[in-house]
N, C-alpha and C. Protein backbone atom coordinates (compact mmCIF):
# COMPACT_ATOMS: atom_id res chain seq x y z
N UNK A 1 -29.80 12.12 -14.88
CA UNK A 1 -29.08 11.08 -14.06
C UNK A 1 -28.21 11.80 -12.87
N UNK A 2 -27.90 11.03 -12.12
CA UNK A 2 -27.10 11.57 -10.79
C UNK A 2 -25.80 10.62 -10.65
N UNK A 3 -24.89 11.54 -10.04
CA UNK A 3 -23.66 11.04 -9.77
C UNK A 3 -23.16 11.55 -8.35
N UNK A 4 -22.08 11.17 -7.89
CA UNK A 4 -21.49 11.35 -6.69
C UNK A 4 -20.47 12.50 -6.90
N UNK A 5 -20.56 13.66 -5.86
CA UNK A 5 -19.40 14.65 -5.84
C UNK A 5 -18.86 14.78 -4.41
N UNK A 6 -17.75 15.11 -4.23
CA UNK A 6 -17.01 15.08 -3.01
C UNK A 6 -17.61 16.35 -2.42
N UNK A 7 -17.69 16.42 -0.88
CA UNK A 7 -18.16 17.42 -0.14
C UNK A 7 -17.15 17.41 1.17
N UNK A 8 -17.03 18.77 1.65
CA UNK A 8 -16.14 18.95 2.90
C UNK A 8 -17.03 19.91 3.81
N UNK A 9 -17.46 19.18 4.85
CA UNK A 9 -18.28 19.97 5.88
C UNK A 9 -17.29 20.74 6.79
N UNK A 10 -16.12 20.25 7.00
CA UNK A 10 -15.13 20.80 7.92
C UNK A 10 -13.77 20.40 7.40
N UNK A 11 -12.78 20.96 8.04
CA UNK A 11 -11.44 20.74 7.34
C UNK A 11 -10.83 19.30 7.67
N UNK A 12 -11.52 18.45 8.45
CA UNK A 12 -11.00 17.17 8.89
C UNK A 12 -10.56 16.30 7.67
N UNK A 13 -10.99 16.31 6.45
CA UNK A 13 -10.41 15.48 5.56
C UNK A 13 -8.99 15.95 5.23
N UNK A 14 -8.76 17.19 5.32
CA UNK A 14 -7.25 17.64 5.13
C UNK A 14 -6.15 17.18 6.06
N UNK A 15 -6.50 16.76 7.17
CA UNK A 15 -5.52 16.18 8.00
C UNK A 15 -6.04 14.65 8.33
N UNK A 16 -7.02 14.05 7.93
CA UNK A 16 -7.18 12.74 8.19
C UNK A 16 -6.50 11.88 7.05
N UNK A 17 -6.66 12.38 5.86
CA UNK A 17 -6.04 11.77 4.73
C UNK A 17 -4.74 12.29 4.02
N UNK A 18 -3.96 11.50 3.70
CA UNK A 18 -2.72 12.06 2.95
C UNK A 18 -2.88 12.99 2.07
N UNK A 19 -3.95 12.68 1.21
CA UNK A 19 -4.35 13.82 0.16
C UNK A 19 -5.90 13.85 0.26
N UNK A 20 -6.41 15.06 0.45
CA UNK A 20 -7.75 15.25 0.57
C UNK A 20 -8.36 15.66 -0.67
N UNK A 21 -9.65 15.23 -1.17
CA UNK A 21 -10.17 15.50 -2.47
C UNK A 21 -10.59 16.85 -2.31
N UNK A 22 -10.80 17.69 -3.32
CA UNK A 22 -11.19 19.02 -3.29
C UNK A 22 -12.67 19.02 -3.32
N UNK A 23 -13.43 19.78 -2.55
CA UNK A 23 -14.88 19.87 -2.75
C UNK A 23 -15.36 19.98 -4.20
N UNK A 24 -16.32 19.22 -4.55
CA UNK A 24 -16.99 19.34 -5.97
C UNK A 24 -16.46 18.33 -7.00
N UNK A 25 -15.47 17.41 -6.67
CA UNK A 25 -14.90 16.64 -7.60
C UNK A 25 -15.93 15.41 -7.70
N UNK A 26 -15.92 14.75 -8.93
CA UNK A 26 -16.70 13.59 -9.14
C UNK A 26 -16.02 12.58 -8.48
N UNK A 27 -16.72 11.58 -7.90
CA UNK A 27 -16.21 10.66 -6.91
C UNK A 27 -16.76 9.14 -7.30
N UNK A 28 -15.89 8.45 -6.91
CA UNK A 28 -16.29 7.07 -7.02
C UNK A 28 -15.71 6.32 -5.60
N UNK A 29 -16.25 5.16 -5.26
CA UNK A 29 -15.83 4.36 -4.12
C UNK A 29 -14.15 4.37 -4.03
N UNK A 30 -13.57 3.94 -5.15
CA UNK A 30 -12.28 3.70 -5.28
C UNK A 30 -11.35 2.69 -4.73
N UNK A 31 -12.29 1.57 -4.25
CA UNK A 31 -11.63 0.41 -3.55
C UNK A 31 -10.57 -0.24 -4.49
N UNK A 32 -10.68 -0.05 -5.77
CA UNK A 32 -9.52 -0.57 -6.64
C UNK A 32 -8.22 -0.13 -6.28
N UNK A 33 -8.21 1.20 -5.57
CA UNK A 33 -6.81 1.65 -5.34
C UNK A 33 -5.97 0.68 -4.30
N UNK A 34 -6.84 -0.04 -3.46
CA UNK A 34 -6.32 -0.97 -2.39
C UNK A 34 -6.20 -2.34 -2.70
N UNK A 35 -6.75 -2.63 -3.97
CA UNK A 35 -6.62 -4.12 -4.49
C UNK A 35 -5.38 -4.83 -4.52
N UNK A 36 -4.19 -4.04 -4.87
CA UNK A 36 -2.86 -4.57 -4.93
C UNK A 36 -2.27 -4.53 -3.54
N UNK A 37 -2.92 -4.01 -2.53
CA UNK A 37 -2.20 -3.59 -1.22
C UNK A 37 -2.42 -4.69 -0.22
N UNK A 38 -1.47 -4.79 0.64
CA UNK A 38 -1.73 -5.67 1.84
C UNK A 38 -2.46 -4.69 2.86
N UNK A 39 -3.73 -4.67 2.87
CA UNK A 39 -4.53 -3.78 3.65
C UNK A 39 -4.53 -3.97 4.99
N UNK A 40 -4.07 -5.14 5.42
CA UNK A 40 -3.98 -5.48 6.88
C UNK A 40 -2.68 -4.75 7.53
N UNK A 41 -1.81 -4.38 6.61
CA UNK A 41 -0.49 -3.71 7.04
C UNK A 41 -0.74 -2.14 6.86
N UNK A 42 -1.93 -1.64 6.36
CA UNK A 42 -2.18 -0.21 6.23
C UNK A 42 -2.16 0.46 7.77
N UNK A 43 -1.44 1.69 7.74
CA UNK A 43 -1.47 2.47 8.86
C UNK A 43 -1.80 3.86 8.71
N UNK A 44 -2.18 4.52 9.74
CA UNK A 44 -2.13 6.12 9.59
C UNK A 44 -3.21 6.58 8.66
N UNK A 45 -2.85 7.57 7.81
CA UNK A 45 -3.69 8.25 6.92
C UNK A 45 -4.08 7.27 5.77
N UNK A 46 -3.25 6.35 5.41
CA UNK A 46 -3.69 5.55 4.28
C UNK A 46 -4.82 4.55 4.77
N UNK A 47 -4.65 4.09 6.03
CA UNK A 47 -5.59 3.23 6.56
C UNK A 47 -6.92 3.99 6.74
N UNK A 48 -6.88 5.13 7.12
CA UNK A 48 -8.13 6.18 7.10
C UNK A 48 -8.86 6.17 5.77
N UNK A 49 -7.95 6.32 4.72
CA UNK A 49 -8.60 6.43 3.35
C UNK A 49 -9.06 5.03 3.08
N UNK A 50 -8.54 3.85 3.45
CA UNK A 50 -9.11 2.57 3.12
C UNK A 50 -10.46 2.42 4.10
N UNK A 51 -10.42 2.84 5.13
CA UNK A 51 -11.72 2.57 6.01
C UNK A 51 -12.98 3.35 5.61
N UNK A 52 -12.70 4.72 5.15
CA UNK A 52 -13.68 5.65 4.99
C UNK A 52 -13.74 6.53 3.85
N UNK A 53 -12.82 6.28 2.78
CA UNK A 53 -12.61 7.43 1.82
C UNK A 53 -13.35 6.93 0.49
N UNK A 54 -14.02 8.08 -0.12
CA UNK A 54 -14.35 8.07 -1.39
C UNK A 54 -13.16 8.66 -2.26
N UNK A 55 -12.94 8.21 -3.63
CA UNK A 55 -11.97 8.85 -4.25
C UNK A 55 -12.29 9.92 -5.26
N UNK A 56 -11.90 11.12 -5.01
CA UNK A 56 -12.24 12.22 -5.87
C UNK A 56 -11.28 12.04 -7.23
N UNK A 57 -11.96 11.86 -8.49
CA UNK A 57 -11.21 11.45 -9.37
C UNK A 57 -10.34 12.38 -10.15
N UNK A 58 -10.55 13.72 -9.93
CA UNK A 58 -9.58 14.87 -10.40
C UNK A 58 -8.24 14.85 -9.68
N UNK A 59 -8.26 14.81 -8.34
CA UNK A 59 -7.13 15.00 -7.49
C UNK A 59 -6.62 13.64 -7.13
N UNK A 60 -7.31 12.51 -7.18
CA UNK A 60 -6.93 11.28 -6.71
C UNK A 60 -6.92 11.46 -4.99
N UNK A 61 -7.46 12.42 -4.54
CA UNK A 61 -7.60 12.64 -3.13
C UNK A 61 -8.80 12.00 -2.60
N UNK A 62 -8.93 12.03 -1.21
CA UNK A 62 -9.96 11.21 -0.52
C UNK A 62 -11.05 12.10 0.14
N UNK A 63 -12.25 11.70 0.26
CA UNK A 63 -13.24 12.52 0.84
C UNK A 63 -14.18 11.60 1.74
N UNK A 64 -14.38 11.95 2.93
CA UNK A 64 -15.23 11.16 3.92
C UNK A 64 -16.72 11.12 3.32
N UNK A 65 -17.16 12.08 2.84
CA UNK A 65 -18.44 12.27 2.36
C UNK A 65 -18.82 12.68 0.92
N UNK A 66 -19.79 12.20 0.35
CA UNK A 66 -20.13 12.65 -1.18
C UNK A 66 -21.42 12.98 -1.05
N UNK A 67 -21.99 13.61 -2.15
CA UNK A 67 -23.27 14.26 -2.14
C UNK A 67 -23.84 13.82 -3.63
N UNK A 68 -25.17 13.43 -3.61
CA UNK A 68 -25.83 13.16 -4.67
C UNK A 68 -26.20 14.37 -5.47
N UNK A 69 -25.67 14.36 -6.81
CA UNK A 69 -25.95 15.59 -7.48
C UNK A 69 -26.46 15.26 -8.93
N UNK A 70 -27.29 16.01 -9.51
CA UNK A 70 -27.75 15.90 -10.90
C UNK A 70 -26.55 16.05 -11.81
N UNK A 71 -26.39 15.32 -12.76
CA UNK A 71 -25.21 15.28 -13.80
C UNK A 71 -25.90 15.06 -15.26
N UNK A 72 -25.31 15.74 -16.17
CA UNK A 72 -25.58 15.61 -17.54
C UNK A 72 -24.86 14.17 -18.26
N UNK A 73 -25.25 13.93 -19.38
CA UNK A 73 -24.60 12.85 -20.04
C UNK A 73 -23.12 13.37 -20.20
N UNK A 74 -22.93 14.67 -20.54
CA UNK A 74 -21.58 15.10 -20.86
C UNK A 74 -20.76 15.12 -19.46
N UNK A 75 -21.33 15.39 -18.36
CA UNK A 75 -20.65 15.26 -17.06
C UNK A 75 -20.31 13.82 -16.83
N UNK A 76 -21.20 13.02 -17.24
CA UNK A 76 -20.73 11.49 -16.94
C UNK A 76 -19.64 11.09 -17.81
N UNK A 77 -19.77 11.52 -19.11
CA UNK A 77 -18.68 11.14 -20.01
C UNK A 77 -17.40 11.79 -19.74
N UNK A 78 -17.50 13.08 -19.29
CA UNK A 78 -16.21 13.60 -18.78
C UNK A 78 -15.53 12.77 -17.53
N UNK A 79 -16.40 12.44 -16.68
CA UNK A 79 -16.00 11.67 -15.39
C UNK A 79 -15.25 10.38 -15.84
N UNK A 80 -15.96 9.57 -16.82
CA UNK A 80 -15.31 8.49 -17.28
C UNK A 80 -13.95 8.62 -18.07
N UNK A 81 -13.86 9.68 -18.82
CA UNK A 81 -12.75 10.07 -19.60
C UNK A 81 -11.60 10.33 -18.55
N UNK A 82 -11.93 11.20 -17.61
CA UNK A 82 -10.93 11.63 -16.54
C UNK A 82 -10.42 10.28 -15.81
N UNK A 83 -11.45 9.50 -15.36
CA UNK A 83 -10.99 8.30 -14.53
C UNK A 83 -10.27 7.33 -15.48
N UNK A 84 -10.38 7.26 -16.73
CA UNK A 84 -9.79 6.33 -17.70
C UNK A 84 -8.28 6.83 -17.83
N UNK A 85 -8.15 8.13 -17.95
CA UNK A 85 -6.85 8.61 -17.98
C UNK A 85 -5.95 8.40 -16.61
N UNK A 86 -6.73 8.57 -15.55
CA UNK A 86 -6.07 8.40 -14.29
C UNK A 86 -5.64 6.85 -14.16
N UNK A 87 -6.42 5.92 -14.68
CA UNK A 87 -6.07 4.55 -14.59
C UNK A 87 -4.98 4.23 -15.31
N UNK A 88 -4.85 4.96 -16.47
CA UNK A 88 -3.37 4.72 -17.27
C UNK A 88 -2.27 5.30 -16.63
N UNK A 89 -2.51 6.56 -16.22
CA UNK A 89 -1.52 7.36 -15.72
C UNK A 89 -0.86 6.94 -14.30
N UNK A 90 -1.80 6.56 -13.39
CA UNK A 90 -1.43 6.33 -11.91
C UNK A 90 -1.64 4.95 -11.68
N UNK A 91 -2.38 4.22 -12.39
CA UNK A 91 -2.56 2.71 -11.81
C UNK A 91 -2.33 1.76 -12.78
N UNK A 92 -1.41 1.93 -13.69
CA UNK A 92 -1.04 0.94 -14.58
C UNK A 92 -1.93 0.19 -15.48
N UNK A 93 -3.10 0.74 -15.73
CA UNK A 93 -3.89 0.16 -16.86
C UNK A 93 -2.98 0.01 -18.20
N UNK A 94 -3.32 -1.02 -18.74
CA UNK A 94 -2.29 -1.31 -20.06
C UNK A 94 -2.52 -0.43 -21.14
N UNK A 95 -3.88 0.11 -21.34
CA UNK A 95 -4.16 0.92 -22.55
C UNK A 95 -5.44 1.76 -22.05
N UNK A 96 -5.72 2.80 -22.97
CA UNK A 96 -6.82 3.42 -22.74
C UNK A 96 -8.17 2.87 -22.87
N UNK A 97 -8.23 1.84 -23.81
CA UNK A 97 -9.46 1.12 -24.00
C UNK A 97 -9.87 0.22 -22.82
N UNK A 98 -8.89 -0.48 -22.16
CA UNK A 98 -8.95 -1.23 -20.99
C UNK A 98 -9.45 -0.29 -20.04
N UNK A 99 -8.76 0.79 -19.79
CA UNK A 99 -8.98 1.73 -18.72
C UNK A 99 -10.49 2.38 -18.69
N UNK A 100 -10.83 2.66 -20.23
CA UNK A 100 -12.13 3.22 -20.40
C UNK A 100 -13.36 2.24 -19.84
N UNK A 101 -12.97 0.93 -20.03
CA UNK A 101 -14.02 -0.03 -19.57
C UNK A 101 -14.20 -0.11 -18.23
N UNK A 102 -12.96 -0.14 -17.44
CA UNK A 102 -13.00 -0.17 -16.03
C UNK A 102 -13.64 1.05 -15.45
N UNK A 103 -13.17 2.27 -15.99
CA UNK A 103 -13.83 3.56 -15.58
C UNK A 103 -15.42 3.47 -15.85
N UNK A 104 -15.78 3.12 -16.98
CA UNK A 104 -17.28 3.03 -17.20
C UNK A 104 -17.84 2.26 -16.10
N UNK A 105 -17.40 1.04 -15.64
CA UNK A 105 -17.86 0.11 -14.67
C UNK A 105 -17.84 1.02 -13.24
N UNK A 106 -16.64 1.64 -12.95
CA UNK A 106 -16.78 2.18 -11.72
C UNK A 106 -17.73 3.40 -11.75
N UNK A 107 -17.86 4.30 -12.76
CA UNK A 107 -18.72 5.31 -12.75
C UNK A 107 -20.20 4.73 -12.57
N UNK A 108 -20.63 3.76 -13.28
CA UNK A 108 -21.72 3.06 -13.26
C UNK A 108 -22.07 2.74 -11.73
N UNK A 109 -21.15 2.11 -11.05
CA UNK A 109 -21.31 1.61 -9.70
C UNK A 109 -21.65 2.98 -8.84
N UNK A 110 -20.94 4.00 -9.07
CA UNK A 110 -21.00 5.27 -8.34
C UNK A 110 -22.49 5.83 -8.63
N UNK A 111 -22.86 5.85 -9.84
CA UNK A 111 -24.35 6.25 -10.32
C UNK A 111 -25.41 5.33 -9.58
N UNK A 112 -25.03 4.09 -9.32
CA UNK A 112 -25.93 3.28 -8.47
C UNK A 112 -26.22 3.64 -7.18
N UNK A 113 -25.15 4.23 -6.57
CA UNK A 113 -25.10 4.68 -5.26
C UNK A 113 -25.73 5.96 -5.08
N UNK A 114 -25.88 6.70 -6.34
CA UNK A 114 -26.57 8.02 -6.32
C UNK A 114 -27.93 7.92 -6.49
N UNK A 115 -28.71 6.90 -6.42
CA UNK A 115 -30.05 6.59 -6.71
C UNK A 115 -30.85 6.97 -5.44
N UNK A 116 -30.57 8.19 -5.16
CA UNK A 116 -31.46 8.96 -4.05
C UNK A 116 -31.74 10.30 -4.43
N UNK A 117 -32.45 11.09 -3.58
CA UNK A 117 -32.86 12.39 -3.88
C UNK A 117 -31.59 13.42 -3.88
N UNK A 118 -31.78 14.34 -4.59
CA UNK A 118 -30.69 15.12 -4.80
C UNK A 118 -30.32 15.89 -3.58
N UNK A 119 -28.87 15.87 -3.39
CA UNK A 119 -28.50 16.60 -1.91
C UNK A 119 -28.39 15.49 -0.67
N UNK A 120 -28.62 14.32 -1.09
CA UNK A 120 -28.41 13.16 0.02
C UNK A 120 -26.95 13.04 0.07
N UNK A 121 -26.43 12.65 1.18
CA UNK A 121 -25.01 12.50 1.48
C UNK A 121 -24.95 11.05 1.76
N UNK A 122 -23.63 10.63 1.07
CA UNK A 122 -23.47 9.04 1.41
C UNK A 122 -22.01 9.05 2.12
N UNK A 123 -21.98 8.04 2.90
CA UNK A 123 -20.73 7.72 3.58
C UNK A 123 -20.48 6.15 3.37
N UNK A 124 -19.20 6.09 3.57
CA UNK A 124 -18.55 4.67 3.24
C UNK A 124 -17.83 4.14 4.47
N UNK A 125 -18.06 2.77 4.57
CA UNK A 125 -17.19 2.08 5.61
C UNK A 125 -16.65 0.79 5.02
N UNK A 126 -15.36 0.72 4.82
CA UNK A 126 -14.63 -0.20 4.12
C UNK A 126 -13.96 -1.15 5.07
N UNK A 127 -14.11 -2.48 4.94
CA UNK A 127 -13.44 -3.44 5.76
C UNK A 127 -12.71 -4.45 5.10
N UNK A 128 -11.81 -5.27 5.60
CA UNK A 128 -11.10 -6.34 4.99
C UNK A 128 -11.44 -7.63 5.77
N UNK A 129 -12.02 -8.66 5.25
CA UNK A 129 -12.27 -9.77 5.96
C UNK A 129 -12.05 -11.05 4.98
N UNK A 130 -11.35 -12.01 5.62
CA UNK A 130 -11.29 -13.32 4.81
C UNK A 130 -10.54 -12.92 3.35
N UNK A 131 -9.54 -12.05 3.33
CA UNK A 131 -8.99 -11.78 2.00
C UNK A 131 -9.81 -10.86 1.10
N UNK A 132 -11.05 -10.41 1.40
CA UNK A 132 -11.68 -9.62 0.52
C UNK A 132 -12.01 -8.34 1.14
N UNK A 133 -12.25 -7.16 0.25
CA UNK A 133 -12.63 -5.96 0.58
C UNK A 133 -14.29 -5.79 0.65
N UNK A 134 -14.84 -5.39 1.72
CA UNK A 134 -16.31 -5.13 1.84
C UNK A 134 -16.45 -3.64 2.03
N UNK A 135 -17.63 -3.48 1.37
CA UNK A 135 -18.03 -1.96 1.37
C UNK A 135 -19.42 -1.76 1.96
N UNK A 136 -19.66 -0.81 2.87
CA UNK A 136 -20.96 -0.44 3.21
C UNK A 136 -21.26 0.95 2.97
N UNK A 137 -22.37 1.31 2.44
CA UNK A 137 -22.69 2.71 2.20
C UNK A 137 -23.95 3.25 3.00
N UNK A 138 -23.83 4.26 3.52
CA UNK A 138 -25.09 4.81 4.25
C UNK A 138 -25.46 6.05 3.78
N UNK A 139 -26.67 6.26 3.73
CA UNK A 139 -27.08 7.71 3.38
C UNK A 139 -27.42 8.54 4.65
N UNK A 140 -27.12 9.70 4.34
CA UNK A 140 -27.27 10.71 5.55
C UNK A 140 -28.02 11.91 5.06
N UNK A 141 -29.33 12.00 5.47
CA UNK A 141 -29.92 13.18 4.86
C UNK A 141 -29.86 14.37 5.50
N UNK A 142 -29.27 15.34 5.02
CA UNK A 142 -29.01 16.65 5.59
C UNK A 142 -30.17 17.19 6.39
N UNK A 143 -30.06 17.62 7.90
CA UNK A 143 -31.09 18.01 8.59
C UNK A 143 -31.94 17.04 9.26
N UNK A 144 -31.74 15.78 9.04
CA UNK A 144 -32.54 14.67 9.74
C UNK A 144 -31.68 13.39 9.88
N UNK A 145 -30.58 13.75 10.57
CA UNK A 145 -29.61 12.65 10.85
C UNK A 145 -29.82 11.69 12.00
N UNK A 146 -30.92 11.70 12.64
CA UNK A 146 -31.28 10.91 13.80
C UNK A 146 -31.59 9.36 13.38
N UNK A 147 -31.97 9.19 12.01
CA UNK A 147 -32.30 7.84 11.65
C UNK A 147 -31.53 7.60 10.01
N UNK A 148 -30.25 7.44 9.94
CA UNK A 148 -29.81 7.36 8.77
C UNK A 148 -30.28 6.14 8.10
N UNK A 149 -30.27 6.16 6.85
CA UNK A 149 -30.71 4.92 6.02
C UNK A 149 -29.59 4.20 5.24
N UNK A 150 -29.59 2.97 5.25
CA UNK A 150 -28.42 2.51 4.47
C UNK A 150 -28.79 2.23 3.01
N UNK A 151 -27.90 2.81 2.22
CA UNK A 151 -28.12 2.69 0.87
C UNK A 151 -27.86 1.31 0.27
N UNK A 152 -26.76 0.84 0.64
CA UNK A 152 -26.36 -0.59 0.11
C UNK A 152 -25.38 -1.19 1.09
N UNK A 153 -25.62 -2.38 1.30
CA UNK A 153 -24.56 -3.23 2.04
C UNK A 153 -23.98 -4.23 1.17
N UNK A 154 -22.96 -3.99 0.64
CA UNK A 154 -22.30 -4.81 -0.44
C UNK A 154 -22.08 -6.29 0.02
N UNK A 155 -21.69 -6.35 1.36
CA UNK A 155 -21.28 -7.73 2.00
C UNK A 155 -22.58 -8.50 2.57
N UNK A 156 -23.71 -7.76 2.52
CA UNK A 156 -24.99 -8.45 2.85
C UNK A 156 -25.12 -8.49 4.44
N UNK A 157 -24.29 -8.17 5.12
CA UNK A 157 -24.44 -8.08 6.60
C UNK A 157 -25.33 -6.71 7.08
N UNK A 158 -26.25 -7.27 8.04
CA UNK A 158 -27.21 -6.11 8.39
C UNK A 158 -26.95 -5.83 9.97
N UNK A 159 -25.91 -6.22 10.43
CA UNK A 159 -25.50 -6.03 11.97
C UNK A 159 -24.65 -4.89 12.31
N UNK A 160 -24.50 -3.90 11.35
CA UNK A 160 -23.55 -2.78 11.66
C UNK A 160 -24.57 -1.84 12.58
N UNK A 161 -23.87 -1.14 13.46
CA UNK A 161 -24.57 -0.14 14.27
C UNK A 161 -24.98 1.03 13.44
N UNK A 162 -26.16 1.62 13.95
CA UNK A 162 -26.53 2.93 13.14
C UNK A 162 -25.58 3.81 13.55
N UNK A 163 -25.48 4.85 12.49
CA UNK A 163 -24.69 6.07 12.79
C UNK A 163 -25.63 7.19 13.05
N UNK A 164 -25.20 8.18 13.93
CA UNK A 164 -26.06 9.30 14.09
C UNK A 164 -25.10 10.50 13.91
N UNK A 165 -25.36 11.24 12.75
CA UNK A 165 -24.60 12.35 12.36
C UNK A 165 -25.57 13.55 12.12
N UNK A 166 -25.44 14.60 12.53
CA UNK A 166 -26.29 15.80 12.35
C UNK A 166 -25.57 16.78 11.39
N UNK A 167 -25.65 16.64 10.19
CA UNK A 167 -24.96 17.47 9.05
C UNK A 167 -25.38 18.80 9.25
N UNK A 168 -26.69 19.14 9.72
CA UNK A 168 -27.07 20.57 9.71
C UNK A 168 -26.39 21.12 10.79
N UNK A 169 -26.26 20.42 11.98
CA UNK A 169 -25.23 21.03 13.08
C UNK A 169 -23.98 21.29 12.88
N UNK A 170 -23.36 20.25 12.02
CA UNK A 170 -21.91 20.45 11.65
C UNK A 170 -21.84 21.71 10.59
N UNK A 171 -22.67 21.70 9.81
CA UNK A 171 -22.67 23.08 8.91
C UNK A 171 -22.80 24.33 9.61
N UNK A 172 -23.70 24.41 10.58
CA UNK A 172 -23.86 25.83 11.33
C UNK A 172 -22.57 25.91 12.19
N UNK A 173 -21.99 24.85 12.92
CA UNK A 173 -20.71 25.04 13.40
C UNK A 173 -19.64 25.52 12.60
N UNK A 174 -19.49 24.95 11.44
CA UNK A 174 -18.40 25.46 10.51
C UNK A 174 -18.74 26.88 10.05
N UNK A 175 -20.18 27.26 9.90
CA UNK A 175 -20.23 28.71 9.69
C UNK A 175 -19.84 29.69 10.74
N UNK A 176 -20.03 29.26 11.93
CA UNK A 176 -19.49 30.05 13.08
C UNK A 176 -17.93 30.24 13.12
N UNK A 177 -17.33 29.23 12.50
CA UNK A 177 -15.73 29.32 12.67
C UNK A 177 -15.12 30.44 11.88
């Protein structure tokens, strides 16, 4: 099976978000973090997390990009357990049973986004329209960023502009720093 892990190609997440996820954390889209929030009023780093952040479930930090990786059944179970504990500790889930059900659902959704070849990078764009949160996911194949492929368009709209990101070039620039 495959899941999503946070990656960091450059240090930008550390100053774009209030809390950046550490590279290698299991990740979920994390839109539930913003459900009780007036997202229209979000500003600064919290708004950046809303607009483009995946939630690293260990640190509860944000990552602009995640990568599709192979995961074992034990990895998945550990991710569910950790997210369930976080939902109780930090997000007010009434008990571990309810939290586990929600965590299972969130990890299953993340796994559905990981239905690509290992190493594929996934980016997220989140918007708020008519009182609802909408998510768009795009895959970015390392080394061939001229034509990114959409993984999923949750809101069904197909009019988003294509993104062009050269991850190979970004990685080379980072190596020179």
